[in-house]
Amino acid sequence: RLGHVLRVDEERMVAVVEPLVTMERLVDKTLPRGLVPKVVPEFKHITVGGAVMGTALESTSHEFGLFLDACERVTVLLPDGRVEVCGPREGDAELFHSLSGSYGTLGMLLKVEVGLVRCSPFVKVCYSLYTDADKAIARMRELADSPSPPPFIEAIELPPKSRHQENETVVVIQGSY
C-alpha cells in the first residue's frame, strides 16, 4: 500500500520511503537516531508523496529549499507504464525538478529517498512581534542571510484585532537546537 519506511541509511543520510508514509511516521523512525528530514512539513499527516508532488515550503526551506529539493532520488511510474529513477543529478533531472507542484499529473511516486540532517530532541523557539510587515520581512532576510542562520525561520501574519486597527501583527519565529 506504499506506506512503509523501507530503511534509514545513516551513512548516506537518507530515509528510503514509500509515498504514503506520513511525516509523523517518518520522524518516528528517524528521531530516535538523532535525525530528521531536511524539510519537515508542520502537519504530521502530510505524506512524503504529498510533500514531493505539492510545494512543501517549510521553516528550514531558507537552507534546503522545497521538500523535493531535499530529496536525493525518486522512483516514478510514468503514464506510459515506464518506471523512471531520477534525481537532481541523475536520470531525467528535468522530470525530477518538474514533480514539485505537479500534484501527481506527471506520474505516480513509488519510492523517495528523503535527505536527513542531525538534530537534537528539542528546539528552542523565539518569537518576535512586528506591526510592520516590511520590518518583519527584513528581519527574516537578516536571519536567513546571517553567517550562521538559525535552522528554523518562519512567520505568521495575524489579522487586525478589530476593524479599527489598521496594522496586522506579524510574528517572526526562529528556532535552534
N, C-alpha and C. Protein backbone atom coordinates (compact mmCIF):
# COMPACT_ATOMS: atom_id res chain seq x y z
N ARG A 1 0.80 -1.19 0.00
CA ARG A 1 0.00 0.00 0.00
C ARG A 1 0.84 1.26 0.00
N LEU A 2 2.13 1.11 -0.26
CA LEU A 2 3.05 2.25 -0.43
C LEU A 2 3.14 3.15 0.78
N GLY A 3 3.06 2.56 1.99
CA GLY A 3 3.13 3.35 3.21
C GLY A 3 4.21 2.90 4.18
N HIS A 4 5.34 2.43 3.64
CA HIS A 4 6.40 1.89 4.50
C HIS A 4 7.67 2.73 4.47
N VAL A 5 8.32 2.81 5.63
CA VAL A 5 9.69 3.31 5.70
C VAL A 5 10.55 2.08 5.40
N LEU A 6 11.21 2.08 4.27
CA LEU A 6 11.96 0.89 3.84
C LEU A 6 13.29 0.77 4.56
N ARG A 7 13.96 1.90 4.76
CA ARG A 7 15.21 1.89 5.54
C ARG A 7 15.65 3.32 5.82
N VAL A 8 16.41 3.43 6.89
CA VAL A 8 17.08 4.69 7.22
C VAL A 8 18.56 4.43 7.08
N ASP A 9 19.19 5.10 6.14
CA ASP A 9 20.60 4.91 5.82
C ASP A 9 21.39 6.05 6.44
N GLU A 10 21.95 5.80 7.62
CA GLU A 10 22.68 6.84 8.35
C GLU A 10 23.98 7.23 7.64
N GLU A 11 24.57 6.32 6.92
CA GLU A 11 25.81 6.63 6.20
C GLU A 11 25.54 7.62 5.06
N ARG A 12 24.48 7.39 4.29
CA ARG A 12 24.14 8.29 3.18
C ARG A 12 23.25 9.45 3.63
N MET A 13 22.76 9.40 4.86
CA MET A 13 21.87 10.42 5.44
C MET A 13 20.59 10.56 4.62
N VAL A 14 19.96 9.42 4.33
CA VAL A 14 18.67 9.40 3.63
C VAL A 14 17.76 8.37 4.28
N ALA A 15 16.47 8.62 4.17
CA ALA A 15 15.46 7.63 4.51
C ALA A 15 14.81 7.22 3.20
N VAL A 16 14.74 5.93 2.96
CA VAL A 16 14.11 5.41 1.74
C VAL A 16 12.69 5.02 2.13
N VAL A 17 11.72 5.71 1.52
CA VAL A 17 10.33 5.55 1.95
C VAL A 17 9.40 5.43 0.75
N GLU A 18 8.22 4.90 1.02
CA GLU A 18 7.17 4.89 0.02
C GLU A 18 6.34 6.17 0.17
N PRO A 19 5.60 6.56 -0.86
CA PRO A 19 4.98 7.89 -0.87
C PRO A 19 3.85 8.13 0.14
N LEU A 20 3.23 7.09 0.66
CA LEU A 20 2.14 7.31 1.61
C LEU A 20 2.61 7.34 3.07
N VAL A 21 3.91 7.34 3.28
CA VAL A 21 4.45 7.50 4.63
C VAL A 21 4.16 8.92 5.10
N THR A 22 3.56 9.04 6.28
CA THR A 22 3.29 10.36 6.84
C THR A 22 4.56 10.93 7.47
N MET A 23 4.57 12.24 7.64
CA MET A 23 5.70 12.88 8.32
C MET A 23 5.83 12.34 9.74
N GLU A 24 4.70 12.08 10.39
CA GLU A 24 4.74 11.54 11.74
C GLU A 24 5.48 10.20 11.76
N ARG A 25 5.14 9.33 10.84
CA ARG A 25 5.79 8.01 10.80
C ARG A 25 7.28 8.13 10.44
N LEU A 26 7.58 9.01 9.49
CA LEU A 26 8.98 9.20 9.10
C LEU A 26 9.81 9.73 10.26
N VAL A 27 9.31 10.74 10.95
CA VAL A 27 10.05 11.30 12.09
C VAL A 27 10.14 10.28 13.23
N ASP A 28 9.09 9.47 13.43
CA ASP A 28 9.15 8.42 14.45
C ASP A 28 10.28 7.43 14.18
N LYS A 29 10.60 7.21 12.90
CA LYS A 29 11.67 6.27 12.54
C LYS A 29 13.06 6.93 12.58
N THR A 30 13.13 8.24 12.35
CA THR A 30 14.44 8.90 12.26
C THR A 30 14.87 9.57 13.55
N LEU A 31 13.94 10.14 14.30
CA LEU A 31 14.30 10.91 15.50
C LEU A 31 15.06 10.08 16.54
N PRO A 32 14.71 8.81 16.78
CA PRO A 32 15.49 8.02 17.75
C PRO A 32 16.97 7.87 17.34
N ARG A 33 17.28 8.10 16.08
CA ARG A 33 18.67 8.03 15.60
C ARG A 33 19.32 9.41 15.59
N GLY A 34 18.60 10.42 16.09
CA GLY A 34 19.13 11.78 16.09
C GLY A 34 19.07 12.42 14.71
N LEU A 35 18.11 12.01 13.88
CA LEU A 35 17.98 12.51 12.51
C LEU A 35 16.54 12.94 12.26
N VAL A 36 16.38 13.92 11.38
CA VAL A 36 15.07 14.32 10.87
C VAL A 36 15.22 14.67 9.40
N PRO A 37 14.12 14.66 8.65
CA PRO A 37 14.20 15.13 7.26
C PRO A 37 14.69 16.58 7.22
N LYS A 38 15.40 16.92 6.15
CA LYS A 38 15.90 18.28 5.99
C LYS A 38 14.77 19.30 6.01
N VAL A 39 13.64 18.95 5.41
CA VAL A 39 12.45 19.80 5.38
C VAL A 39 11.30 18.98 5.95
N VAL A 40 10.70 19.48 7.05
CA VAL A 40 9.61 18.75 7.70
C VAL A 40 8.35 19.61 7.68
N PRO A 41 7.34 19.21 6.91
CA PRO A 41 6.07 19.93 6.97
C PRO A 41 5.50 19.89 8.39
N GLU A 42 4.85 20.98 8.78
CA GLU A 42 4.40 21.09 10.17
C GLU A 42 3.20 20.22 10.51
N PHE A 43 2.47 19.75 9.53
CA PHE A 43 1.33 18.89 9.82
C PHE A 43 1.76 17.44 9.72
N LYS A 44 1.57 16.70 10.81
CA LYS A 44 2.11 15.35 10.90
C LYS A 44 1.48 14.35 9.93
N HIS A 45 0.31 14.66 9.39
CA HIS A 45 -0.35 13.71 8.49
C HIS A 45 -0.07 13.98 7.01
N ILE A 46 0.73 15.00 6.70
CA ILE A 46 1.16 15.20 5.31
C ILE A 46 2.03 14.01 4.94
N THR A 47 1.82 13.47 3.76
CA THR A 47 2.61 12.32 3.31
C THR A 47 3.84 12.80 2.55
N VAL A 48 4.82 11.92 2.47
CA VAL A 48 6.02 12.23 1.68
C VAL A 48 5.61 12.51 0.23
N GLY A 49 4.73 11.70 -0.32
CA GLY A 49 4.26 11.91 -1.69
C GLY A 49 3.58 13.25 -1.86
N GLY A 50 2.77 13.63 -0.89
CA GLY A 50 2.10 14.93 -0.94
C GLY A 50 3.09 16.08 -0.86
N ALA A 51 4.11 15.93 -0.03
CA ALA A 51 5.14 16.97 0.09
C ALA A 51 5.97 17.08 -1.18
N VAL A 52 6.26 15.94 -1.82
CA VAL A 52 7.03 15.95 -3.08
C VAL A 52 6.19 16.55 -4.21
N MET A 53 4.98 16.05 -4.40
CA MET A 53 4.15 16.48 -5.53
C MET A 53 3.50 17.83 -5.31
N GLY A 54 3.36 18.23 -4.04
CA GLY A 54 2.89 19.57 -3.71
C GLY A 54 4.08 20.51 -3.74
N THR A 55 3.99 21.56 -3.02
CA THR A 55 5.11 22.50 -2.98
C THR A 55 5.46 22.81 -1.54
N ALA A 56 5.74 21.78 -0.75
CA ALA A 56 6.02 21.95 0.67
C ALA A 56 7.21 22.89 0.89
N LEU A 57 6.90 24.03 1.44
CA LEU A 57 7.88 25.06 1.78
C LEU A 57 7.76 25.25 3.27
N GLU A 58 8.81 25.00 4.01
CA GLU A 58 8.70 24.95 5.47
C GLU A 58 9.77 25.81 6.15
N SER A 59 9.85 25.72 7.46
CA SER A 59 10.72 26.62 8.23
C SER A 59 12.21 26.39 8.01
N THR A 60 12.60 25.27 7.39
CA THR A 60 14.01 25.05 7.06
C THR A 60 14.29 25.30 5.58
N SER A 61 13.30 25.78 4.86
CA SER A 61 13.44 25.96 3.40
C SER A 61 14.42 27.07 3.03
N HIS A 62 14.71 27.98 3.94
CA HIS A 62 15.72 29.01 3.65
C HIS A 62 17.09 28.37 3.41
N GLU A 63 17.28 27.18 3.96
CA GLU A 63 18.54 26.45 3.77
C GLU A 63 18.43 25.33 2.74
N PHE A 64 17.31 24.61 2.74
CA PHE A 64 17.20 23.39 1.92
C PHE A 64 16.24 23.49 0.74
N GLY A 65 15.46 24.55 0.63
CA GLY A 65 14.51 24.69 -0.45
C GLY A 65 13.21 23.98 -0.17
N LEU A 66 12.51 23.60 -1.23
CA LEU A 66 11.26 22.87 -1.10
C LEU A 66 11.54 21.45 -0.62
N PHE A 67 10.51 20.73 -0.22
CA PHE A 67 10.70 19.34 0.23
C PHE A 67 11.42 18.52 -0.84
N LEU A 68 10.99 18.66 -2.10
CA LEU A 68 11.62 17.90 -3.18
C LEU A 68 13.11 18.23 -3.30
N ASP A 69 13.48 19.49 -3.09
CA ASP A 69 14.89 19.88 -3.17
C ASP A 69 15.75 19.14 -2.15
N ALA A 70 15.13 18.68 -1.08
CA ALA A 70 15.85 17.96 -0.03
C ALA A 70 15.84 16.45 -0.25
N CYS A 71 15.32 16.02 -1.38
CA CYS A 71 15.29 14.59 -1.71
C CYS A 71 16.43 14.26 -2.66
N GLU A 72 16.98 13.07 -2.51
CA GLU A 72 18.11 12.63 -3.33
C GLU A 72 17.68 11.94 -4.62
N ARG A 73 16.56 11.23 -4.55
CA ARG A 73 16.15 10.41 -5.70
C ARG A 73 14.70 10.01 -5.51
N VAL A 74 14.01 9.85 -6.62
CA VAL A 74 12.63 9.35 -6.60
C VAL A 74 12.48 8.25 -7.65
N THR A 75 11.53 7.38 -7.43
CA THR A 75 11.15 6.38 -8.43
C THR A 75 9.70 6.69 -8.79
N VAL A 76 9.47 6.89 -10.11
CA VAL A 76 8.16 7.34 -10.58
C VAL A 76 7.64 6.36 -11.63
N LEU A 77 6.36 5.98 -11.48
CA LEU A 77 5.66 5.21 -12.50
C LEU A 77 5.03 6.23 -13.45
N LEU A 78 5.49 6.23 -14.70
CA LEU A 78 5.01 7.20 -15.69
C LEU A 78 3.72 6.72 -16.34
N PRO A 79 2.95 7.62 -16.94
CA PRO A 79 1.67 7.24 -17.56
C PRO A 79 1.79 6.17 -18.63
N ASP A 80 2.95 6.07 -19.29
CA ASP A 80 3.11 5.06 -20.34
C ASP A 80 3.56 3.70 -19.78
N GLY A 81 3.64 3.59 -18.44
CA GLY A 81 4.00 2.32 -17.81
C GLY A 81 5.47 2.17 -17.47
N ARG A 82 6.31 3.08 -17.96
CA ARG A 82 7.74 3.02 -17.63
C ARG A 82 7.96 3.45 -16.19
N VAL A 83 9.00 2.88 -15.58
CA VAL A 83 9.42 3.30 -14.24
C VAL A 83 10.73 4.06 -14.39
N GLU A 84 10.75 5.29 -13.90
CA GLU A 84 11.92 6.18 -14.03
C GLU A 84 12.49 6.45 -12.64
N VAL A 85 13.79 6.21 -12.47
CA VAL A 85 14.51 6.58 -11.26
C VAL A 85 15.28 7.84 -11.62
N CYS A 86 15.04 8.91 -10.87
CA CYS A 86 15.70 10.17 -11.21
C CYS A 86 15.97 10.99 -9.96
N GLY A 87 16.89 11.91 -10.10
CA GLY A 87 17.25 12.81 -9.03
C GLY A 87 17.77 14.10 -9.63
N PRO A 88 18.26 15.00 -8.81
CA PRO A 88 18.74 16.28 -9.34
C PRO A 88 19.97 16.14 -10.25
N ARG A 89 20.70 15.05 -10.09
CA ARG A 89 21.91 14.86 -10.90
C ARG A 89 21.96 13.48 -11.57
N GLU A 90 20.83 12.82 -11.67
CA GLU A 90 20.82 11.51 -12.32
C GLU A 90 19.49 11.24 -13.00
N GLY A 91 19.51 10.38 -13.98
CA GLY A 91 18.29 10.06 -14.71
C GLY A 91 17.71 11.30 -15.37
N ASP A 92 16.43 11.38 -15.41
CA ASP A 92 15.74 12.51 -16.02
C ASP A 92 15.61 13.63 -14.98
N ALA A 93 16.65 14.45 -14.87
CA ALA A 93 16.66 15.54 -13.88
C ALA A 93 15.53 16.53 -14.12
N GLU A 94 15.16 16.72 -15.40
CA GLU A 94 14.06 17.64 -15.69
C GLU A 94 12.74 17.10 -15.11
N LEU A 95 12.51 15.80 -15.24
CA LEU A 95 11.33 15.19 -14.63
C LEU A 95 11.38 15.39 -13.12
N PHE A 96 12.52 15.10 -12.52
CA PHE A 96 12.67 15.25 -11.07
C PHE A 96 12.25 16.65 -10.63
N HIS A 97 12.82 17.67 -11.25
CA HIS A 97 12.54 19.05 -10.85
C HIS A 97 11.11 19.47 -11.19
N SER A 98 10.47 18.80 -12.12
CA SER A 98 9.10 19.13 -12.50
C SER A 98 8.05 18.54 -11.56
N LEU A 99 8.44 17.60 -10.72
CA LEU A 99 7.47 16.93 -9.85
C LEU A 99 6.85 17.88 -8.83
N SER A 100 7.66 18.79 -8.27
CA SER A 100 7.14 19.71 -7.26
C SER A 100 6.08 20.61 -7.90
N GLY A 101 4.89 20.57 -7.35
CA GLY A 101 3.80 21.36 -7.88
C GLY A 101 3.02 20.66 -8.98
N SER A 102 3.39 19.43 -9.32
CA SER A 102 2.67 18.72 -10.39
C SER A 102 1.43 18.01 -9.87
N TYR A 103 1.34 17.81 -8.56
CA TYR A 103 0.17 17.19 -7.92
C TYR A 103 -0.21 15.86 -8.56
N GLY A 104 0.80 15.08 -8.96
CA GLY A 104 0.55 13.74 -9.48
C GLY A 104 0.24 13.67 -10.96
N THR A 105 0.27 14.78 -11.67
CA THR A 105 -0.09 14.75 -13.09
C THR A 105 0.98 14.15 -13.98
N LEU A 106 2.21 14.06 -13.49
CA LEU A 106 3.31 13.54 -14.32
C LEU A 106 3.56 12.05 -14.11
N GLY A 107 3.01 11.50 -13.04
CA GLY A 107 3.23 10.10 -12.74
C GLY A 107 2.92 9.82 -11.28
N MET A 108 3.13 8.56 -10.91
CA MET A 108 2.86 8.14 -9.54
C MET A 108 4.16 7.78 -8.84
N LEU A 109 4.40 8.38 -7.70
CA LEU A 109 5.61 8.06 -6.95
C LEU A 109 5.53 6.64 -6.40
N LEU A 110 6.65 5.94 -6.47
CA LEU A 110 6.75 4.61 -5.90
C LEU A 110 7.70 4.57 -4.72
N LYS A 111 8.74 5.43 -4.78
CA LYS A 111 9.75 5.43 -3.72
C LYS A 111 10.45 6.79 -3.73
N VAL A 112 10.86 7.23 -2.54
CA VAL A 112 11.54 8.52 -2.39
C VAL A 112 12.70 8.34 -1.42
N GLU A 113 13.85 8.93 -1.77
CA GLU A 113 14.98 8.99 -0.85
C GLU A 113 15.01 10.41 -0.29
N VAL A 114 14.61 10.53 0.97
CA VAL A 114 14.49 11.81 1.65
C VAL A 114 15.80 12.13 2.37
N GLY A 115 16.37 13.31 2.10
CA GLY A 115 17.59 13.73 2.77
C GLY A 115 17.35 14.00 4.25
N LEU A 116 18.33 13.62 5.08
CA LEU A 116 18.23 13.77 6.53
C LEU A 116 19.34 14.67 7.07
N VAL A 117 19.10 15.24 8.24
CA VAL A 117 20.11 16.02 8.96
C VAL A 117 20.12 15.57 10.41
N ARG A 118 21.23 15.80 11.08
CA ARG A 118 21.34 15.52 12.52
C ARG A 118 20.51 16.55 13.28
N CYS A 119 19.96 16.12 14.40
CA CYS A 119 19.13 17.03 15.19
C CYS A 119 19.25 16.70 16.66
N SER A 120 18.70 17.56 17.47
CA SER A 120 18.53 17.34 18.91
C SER A 120 17.06 17.04 19.15
N PRO A 121 16.73 16.45 20.29
CA PRO A 121 15.32 16.13 20.52
C PRO A 121 14.45 17.36 20.82
N PHE A 122 15.08 18.51 21.11
CA PHE A 122 14.31 19.70 21.44
C PHE A 122 14.78 20.88 20.61
N VAL A 123 13.88 21.83 20.39
CA VAL A 123 14.17 23.05 19.65
C VAL A 123 13.82 24.24 20.55
N LYS A 124 14.74 25.19 20.66
CA LYS A 124 14.47 26.44 21.36
C LYS A 124 13.81 27.38 20.37
N VAL A 125 12.66 27.93 20.73
CA VAL A 125 11.89 28.78 19.83
C VAL A 125 11.81 30.19 20.40
N CYS A 126 12.09 31.19 19.55
CA CYS A 126 11.99 32.60 19.93
C CYS A 126 10.97 33.28 19.02
N TYR A 127 10.12 34.10 19.60
CA TYR A 127 9.08 34.82 18.86
C TYR A 127 9.34 36.32 18.93
N SER A 128 9.22 37.00 17.81
CA SER A 128 9.34 38.46 17.76
C SER A 128 8.10 39.00 17.08
N LEU A 129 7.49 40.02 17.68
CA LEU A 129 6.27 40.62 17.13
C LEU A 129 6.60 41.90 16.38
N TYR A 130 5.95 42.06 15.24
CA TYR A 130 6.12 43.26 14.41
C TYR A 130 4.74 43.76 14.00
N THR A 131 4.58 45.07 14.00
CA THR A 131 3.34 45.66 13.49
C THR A 131 3.55 46.23 12.10
N ASP A 132 4.73 46.01 11.56
CA ASP A 132 5.06 46.46 10.21
C ASP A 132 5.58 45.24 9.44
N ALA A 133 4.83 44.81 8.44
CA ALA A 133 5.19 43.61 7.67
C ALA A 133 6.55 43.76 7.00
N ASP A 134 6.87 44.96 6.50
CA ASP A 134 8.16 45.17 5.85
C ASP A 134 9.31 44.95 6.82
N LYS A 135 9.14 45.38 8.06
CA LYS A 135 10.19 45.17 9.07
C LYS A 135 10.32 43.68 9.42
N ALA A 136 9.21 42.98 9.45
CA ALA A 136 9.25 41.54 9.73
C ALA A 136 9.97 40.80 8.61
N ILE A 137 9.67 41.17 7.37
CA ILE A 137 10.34 40.54 6.22
C ILE A 137 11.83 40.86 6.24
N ALA A 138 12.17 42.10 6.56
CA ALA A 138 13.59 42.47 6.65
C ALA A 138 14.30 41.65 7.72
N ARG A 139 13.62 41.41 8.85
CA ARG A 139 14.22 40.60 9.92
C ARG A 139 14.43 39.15 9.44
N MET A 140 13.46 38.61 8.72
CA MET A 140 13.62 37.24 8.20
C MET A 140 14.78 37.16 7.23
N ARG A 141 14.92 38.17 6.37
CA ARG A 141 16.05 38.19 5.43
C ARG A 141 17.37 38.28 6.19
N GLU A 142 17.40 39.12 7.21
CA GLU A 142 18.61 39.28 8.02
C GLU A 142 19.00 37.94 8.67
N LEU A 143 18.01 37.24 9.21
CA LEU A 143 18.28 35.94 9.82
C LEU A 143 18.78 34.93 8.78
N ALA A 144 18.10 34.84 7.64
CA ALA A 144 18.46 33.87 6.61
C ALA A 144 19.83 34.16 6.00
N ASP A 145 20.19 35.44 5.89
CA ASP A 145 21.45 35.83 5.26
C ASP A 145 22.61 35.92 6.24
N SER A 146 22.37 35.70 7.51
CA SER A 146 23.45 35.82 8.50
C SER A 146 24.47 34.70 8.29
N PRO A 147 25.70 34.91 8.77
CA PRO A 147 26.74 33.87 8.60
C PRO A 147 26.36 32.53 9.24
N SER A 148 25.56 32.59 10.29
CA SER A 148 25.13 31.37 10.97
C SER A 148 23.61 31.44 11.20
N PRO A 149 22.83 31.22 10.14
CA PRO A 149 21.37 31.37 10.29
C PRO A 149 20.78 30.30 11.20
N PRO A 150 19.71 30.63 11.89
CA PRO A 150 19.06 29.59 12.70
C PRO A 150 18.49 28.51 11.77
N PRO A 151 18.42 27.27 12.23
CA PRO A 151 17.90 26.20 11.39
C PRO A 151 16.45 26.41 10.96
N PHE A 152 15.67 27.10 11.79
CA PHE A 152 14.25 27.27 11.52
C PHE A 152 13.89 28.75 11.49
N ILE A 153 13.24 29.19 10.42
CA ILE A 153 12.73 30.57 10.32
C ILE A 153 11.33 30.49 9.71
N GLU A 154 10.39 31.16 10.35
CA GLU A 154 9.01 31.12 9.87
C GLU A 154 8.34 32.41 10.31
N ALA A 155 7.21 32.73 9.72
CA ALA A 155 6.42 33.89 10.15
C ALA A 155 4.95 33.59 10.00
N ILE A 156 4.18 34.25 10.82
CA ILE A 156 2.72 34.15 10.76
C ILE A 156 2.17 35.57 10.79
N GLU A 157 1.28 35.86 9.87
CA GLU A 157 0.62 37.16 9.88
C GLU A 157 -0.75 37.00 10.52
N LEU A 158 -0.97 37.76 11.57
CA LEU A 158 -2.25 37.73 12.28
C LEU A 158 -3.10 38.91 11.82
N PRO A 159 -4.37 38.71 11.64
CA PRO A 159 -5.22 39.82 11.17
C PRO A 159 -5.38 40.86 12.27
N PRO A 160 -5.76 42.06 11.89
CA PRO A 160 -6.03 43.09 12.91
C PRO A 160 -7.07 42.57 13.91
N LYS A 161 -6.94 42.98 15.17
CA LYS A 161 -7.86 42.51 16.21
C LYS A 161 -9.27 43.07 16.01
N SER A 162 -9.33 44.23 15.38
CA SER A 162 -10.64 44.83 15.12
C SER A 162 -10.58 45.58 13.80
N ARG A 163 -11.74 45.96 13.31
CA ARG A 163 -11.77 46.68 12.03
C ARG A 163 -11.20 48.09 12.18
N HIS A 164 -11.00 48.53 13.43
CA HIS A 164 -10.44 49.86 13.67
C HIS A 164 -8.91 49.84 13.73
N GLN A 165 -8.34 48.66 13.85
CA GLN A 165 -6.89 48.53 13.87
C GLN A 165 -6.39 48.41 12.43
N GLU A 166 -5.49 49.27 12.05
CA GLU A 166 -5.02 49.28 10.66
C GLU A 166 -3.97 48.22 10.38
N ASN A 167 -3.04 48.05 11.29
CA ASN A 167 -1.90 47.18 11.03
C ASN A 167 -2.14 45.75 11.51
N GLU A 168 -1.64 44.83 10.72
CA GLU A 168 -1.63 43.45 11.13
C GLU A 168 -0.45 43.26 12.08
N THR A 169 -0.44 42.14 12.74
CA THR A 169 0.71 41.76 13.56
C THR A 169 1.39 40.60 12.86
N VAL A 170 2.70 40.69 12.73
CA VAL A 170 3.48 39.61 12.14
C VAL A 170 4.37 39.03 13.23
N VAL A 171 4.31 37.72 13.38
CA VAL A 171 5.14 37.02 14.34
C VAL A 171 6.26 36.33 13.57
N VAL A 172 7.50 36.71 13.83
CA VAL A 172 8.66 36.04 13.23
C VAL A 172 9.13 35.01 14.25
N ILE A 173 9.27 33.78 13.78
CA ILE A 173 9.64 32.67 14.64
C ILE A 173 10.98 32.12 14.19
N GLN A 174 11.88 31.99 15.15
CA GLN A 174 13.16 31.36 14.82
C GLN A 174 13.41 30.23 15.82
N GLY A 175 13.96 29.16 15.33
CA GLY A 175 14.23 28.02 16.18
C GLY A 175 15.64 27.53 16.01
N SER A 176 16.19 27.01 17.11
CA SER A 176 17.55 26.45 17.06
C SER A 176 17.63 25.27 18.01
N TYR A 177 18.61 24.44 17.75
CA TYR A 177 18.82 23.27 18.62
C TYR A 177 19.62 23.68 19.84
